[in-house]
Amino acid sequence: QVQLVESGGGLVRPGESLRLSCVASGVIFSNYAMTWYRQAPGKQRELVATISSLGRTDYQDSVKGRFTISRDNAKNTVHLQMNSLELEDTAVYYCNAYYRTNYWGQGTQVTVSS
């Protein structure tokens, strides 16, 4: 059974940092492209950052220079380091794994508030 479990969300002030983690089980992790999405209230889910099975990364323009995605294949884990958080980053963040099939985690809430 495939599971993606996110952690690391929380309540922070603008300018602060958070590090999200997503641990995968039930998959050959190194085969999968891993992506973080987010969904704010009343908005559509959007791609935040992605890392391919070979380690190539790509980011949504609004987070470039602030967020960093990385993966640790030995630990079946993908991280999202989020620095200089802004009010607009408030959302539920979801981990996605893709290799022929999509898998989703349950999400972790990130709230940026002054």
C-alpha atoms as a PDB file:
ATOM      1  CA  GLN A   1       0.000   0.000   0.000  1.00  0.00           C
ATOM      2  CA  VAL A   2       1.364   3.372  -1.036  1.00  0.00           C
ATOM      3  CA  GLN A   3       1.499   6.074   1.604  1.00  0.00           C
ATOM      4  CA  LEU A   4       2.764   9.627   1.540  1.00  0.00           C
ATOM      5  CA  VAL A   5       2.936  11.293   4.933  1.00  0.00           C
ATOM      6  CA  GLU A   6       3.621  15.007   5.188  1.00  0.00           C
ATOM      7  CA  SER A   7       4.872  16.823   8.250  1.00  0.00           C
ATOM      8  CA  GLY A   8       6.379  20.130   9.266  1.00  0.00           C
ATOM      9  CA  GLY A   9       3.514  22.533   8.768  1.00  0.00           C
ATOM     10  CA  GLY A  10       2.587  25.123  11.332  1.00  0.00           C
ATOM     11  CA  LEU A  11       1.890  28.741  12.171  1.00  0.00           C
ATOM     12  CA  VAL A  12       4.658  31.240  11.508  1.00  0.00           C
ATOM     13  CA  ARG A  13       5.087  34.984  11.065  1.00  0.00           C
ATOM     14  CA  PRO A  14       6.012  36.640   7.769  1.00  0.00           C
ATOM     15  CA  GLY A  15       9.710  36.286   7.065  1.00  0.00           C
ATOM     16  CA  GLU A  16      10.109  33.099   9.063  1.00  0.00           C
ATOM     17  CA  SER A  17      10.930  29.625   7.775  1.00  0.00           C
ATOM     18  CA  LEU A  18       9.463  26.145   7.759  1.00  0.00           C
ATOM     19  CA  ARG A  19      10.684  22.833   6.455  1.00  0.00           C
ATOM     20  CA  LEU A  20       8.143  20.367   5.150  1.00  0.00           C
ATOM     21  CA  SER A  21       8.893  16.680   4.813  1.00  0.00           C
ATOM     22  CA  CYS A  22       7.114  13.894   2.994  1.00  0.00           C
ATOM     23  CA  VAL A  23       7.957  10.273   3.650  1.00  0.00           C
ATOM     24  CA  ALA A  24       6.888   7.709   1.063  1.00  0.00           C
ATOM     25  CA  SER A  25       6.293   4.034   1.608  1.00  0.00           C
ATOM     26  CA  GLY A  26       5.146   1.243  -0.659  1.00  0.00           C
ATOM     27  CA  VAL A  27       6.944   2.631  -3.711  1.00  0.00           C
ATOM     28  CA  ILE A  28      10.374   2.460  -5.288  1.00  0.00           C
ATOM     29  CA  PHE A  29      10.979   6.047  -4.307  1.00  0.00           C
ATOM     30  CA  SER A  30      13.908   6.721  -6.602  1.00  0.00           C
ATOM     31  CA  ASN A  31      11.701   6.122  -9.652  1.00  0.00           C
ATOM     32  CA  TYR A  32       9.261   8.836  -8.729  1.00  0.00           C
ATOM     33  CA  ALA A  33       9.099  12.510  -9.521  1.00  0.00           C
ATOM     34  CA  MET A  34       8.135  14.258  -6.313  1.00  0.00           C
ATOM     35  CA  THR A  35       6.146  17.448  -6.226  1.00  0.00           C
ATOM     36  CA  TRP A  36       4.765  19.809  -3.625  1.00  0.00           C
ATOM     37  CA  TYR A  37       1.421  21.398  -4.363  1.00  0.00           C
ATOM     38  CA  ARG A  38      -0.598  23.797  -2.285  1.00  0.00           C
ATOM     39  CA  GLN A  39      -4.196  24.858  -2.046  1.00  0.00           C
ATOM     40  CA  ALA A  40      -5.330  28.042  -0.392  1.00  0.00           C
ATOM     41  CA  PRO A  41      -8.942  28.567   0.697  1.00  0.00           C
ATOM     42  CA  GLY A  42     -11.146  29.265  -2.291  1.00  0.00           C
ATOM     43  CA  LYS A  43      -8.354  28.660  -4.772  1.00  0.00           C
ATOM     44  CA  GLN A  44      -7.294  25.828  -7.030  1.00  0.00           C
ATOM     45  CA  ARG A  45      -4.475  23.508  -6.133  1.00  0.00           C
ATOM     46  CA  GLU A  46      -1.212  24.753  -7.633  1.00  0.00           C
ATOM     47  CA  LEU A  47       2.249  23.350  -8.182  1.00  0.00           C
ATOM     48  CA  VAL A  48       4.868  24.800  -5.865  1.00  0.00           C
ATOM     49  CA  ALA A  49       8.034  22.834  -6.571  1.00  0.00           C
ATOM     50  CA  THR A  50       9.012  19.607  -8.231  1.00  0.00           C
ATOM     51  CA  ILE A  51      12.056  17.369  -8.333  1.00  0.00           C
ATOM     52  CA  SER A  52      12.536  14.652 -10.913  1.00  0.00           C
ATOM     53  CA  SER A  53      13.882  11.182 -10.280  1.00  0.00           C
ATOM     54  CA  LEU A  54      17.227  12.488 -11.496  1.00  0.00           C
ATOM     55  CA  GLY A  55      17.154  15.498  -9.209  1.00  0.00           C
ATOM     56  CA  ARG A  56      16.131  18.197 -11.664  1.00  0.00           C
ATOM     57  CA  THR A  57      14.099  20.899  -9.913  1.00  0.00           C
ATOM     58  CA  ASP A  58      11.557  23.450 -10.975  1.00  0.00           C
ATOM     59  CA  TYR A  59       9.557  26.054  -9.070  1.00  0.00           C
ATOM     60  CA  GLN A  60       6.539  28.251  -9.309  1.00  0.00           C
ATOM     61  CA  ASP A  61       7.727  31.788 -10.029  1.00  0.00           C
ATOM     62  CA  SER A  62       6.366  33.196  -6.770  1.00  0.00           C
ATOM     63  CA  VAL A  63       8.575  30.913  -4.653  1.00  0.00           C
ATOM     64  CA  LYS A  64      11.804  30.995  -6.655  1.00  0.00           C
ATOM     65  CA  GLY A  65      14.670  32.077  -4.464  1.00  0.00           C
ATOM     66  CA  ARG A  66      12.702  31.407  -1.285  1.00  0.00           C
ATOM     67  CA  PHE A  67      11.819  27.702  -1.431  1.00  0.00           C
ATOM     68  CA  THR A  68      14.105  24.746  -2.037  1.00  0.00           C
ATOM     69  CA  ILE A  69      12.983  21.217  -2.821  1.00  0.00           C
ATOM     70  CA  SER A  70      15.303  18.299  -2.168  1.00  0.00           C
ATOM     71  CA  ARG A  71      15.104  14.541  -1.938  1.00  0.00           C
ATOM     72  CA  ASP A  72      16.822  11.833   0.051  1.00  0.00           C
ATOM     73  CA  ASN A  73      16.324   8.553  -1.779  1.00  0.00           C
ATOM     74  CA  ALA A  74      17.934   6.575   1.030  1.00  0.00           C
ATOM     75  CA  LYS A  75      15.187   7.800   3.377  1.00  0.00           C
ATOM     76  CA  ASN A  76      12.327   7.878   0.850  1.00  0.00           C
ATOM     77  CA  THR A  77      11.866  11.505   1.767  1.00  0.00           C
ATOM     78  CA  VAL A  78      11.339  14.775  -0.036  1.00  0.00           C
ATOM     79  CA  HIS A  79      11.739  18.107   1.714  1.00  0.00           C
ATOM     80  CA  LEU A  80      10.549  21.610   1.005  1.00  0.00           C
ATOM     81  CA  GLN A  81      12.585  24.291   2.742  1.00  0.00           C
ATOM     82  CA  MET A  82      10.526  27.450   2.829  1.00  0.00           C
ATOM     83  CA  ASN A  83      12.262  30.687   3.739  1.00  0.00           C
ATOM     84  CA  SER A  84      11.029  34.274   3.849  1.00  0.00           C
ATOM     85  CA  LEU A  85       7.464  33.091   4.124  1.00  0.00           C
ATOM     86  CA  GLU A  86       4.753  35.496   3.043  1.00  0.00           C
ATOM     87  CA  LEU A  87       1.073  35.803   3.929  1.00  0.00           C
ATOM     88  CA  GLU A  88       0.252  34.487   0.451  1.00  0.00           C
ATOM     89  CA  ASP A  89       2.035  31.215   1.201  1.00  0.00           C
ATOM     90  CA  THR A  90      -0.760  30.229   3.568  1.00  0.00           C
ATOM     91  CA  ALA A  91      -2.267  26.997   2.272  1.00  0.00           C
ATOM     92  CA  VAL A  92      -2.510  23.275   2.744  1.00  0.00           C
ATOM     93  CA  TYR A  93       0.610  21.752   1.235  1.00  0.00           C
ATOM     94  CA  TYR A  94       0.363  18.364  -0.444  1.00  0.00           C
ATOM     95  CA  CYS A  95       3.028  15.910  -1.430  1.00  0.00           C
ATOM     96  CA  ASN A  96       2.642  14.142  -4.778  1.00  0.00           C
ATOM     97  CA  ALA A  97       4.512  11.200  -6.215  1.00  0.00           C
ATOM     98  CA  TYR A  98       4.326  10.421  -9.898  1.00  0.00           C
ATOM     99  CA  TYR A  99       5.623   7.481 -11.918  1.00  0.00           C
ATOM    100  CA  ARG A 100       2.927   6.209 -14.263  1.00  0.00           C
ATOM    101  CA  THR A 101       0.472   6.734 -11.398  1.00  0.00           C
ATOM    102  CA  ASN A 102      -0.207   9.685  -9.140  1.00  0.00           C
ATOM    103  CA  TYR A 103      -0.189   9.367  -5.376  1.00  0.00           C
ATOM    104  CA  TRP A 104      -1.115  12.069  -2.890  1.00  0.00           C
ATOM    105  CA  GLY A 105      -0.544  12.724   0.761  1.00  0.00           C
ATOM    106  CA  GLN A 106      -3.173  14.085   3.126  1.00  0.00           C
ATOM    107  CA  GLY A 107      -1.635  17.524   3.347  1.00  0.00           C
ATOM    108  CA  THR A 108      -0.120  19.714   6.028  1.00  0.00           C
ATOM    109  CA  GLN A 109      -1.354  23.183   6.943  1.00  0.00           C
ATOM    110  CA  VAL A 110       0.980  26.141   6.630  1.00  0.00           C
ATOM    111  CA  THR A 111      -0.307  29.403   8.054  1.00  0.00           C
ATOM    112  CA  VAL A 112       1.634  32.635   7.753  1.00  0.00           C
ATOM    113  CA  SER A 113       0.158  35.351   9.894  1.00  0.00           C
ATOM    114  CA  SER A 114       1.329  38.458  11.654  1.00  0.00           C
END
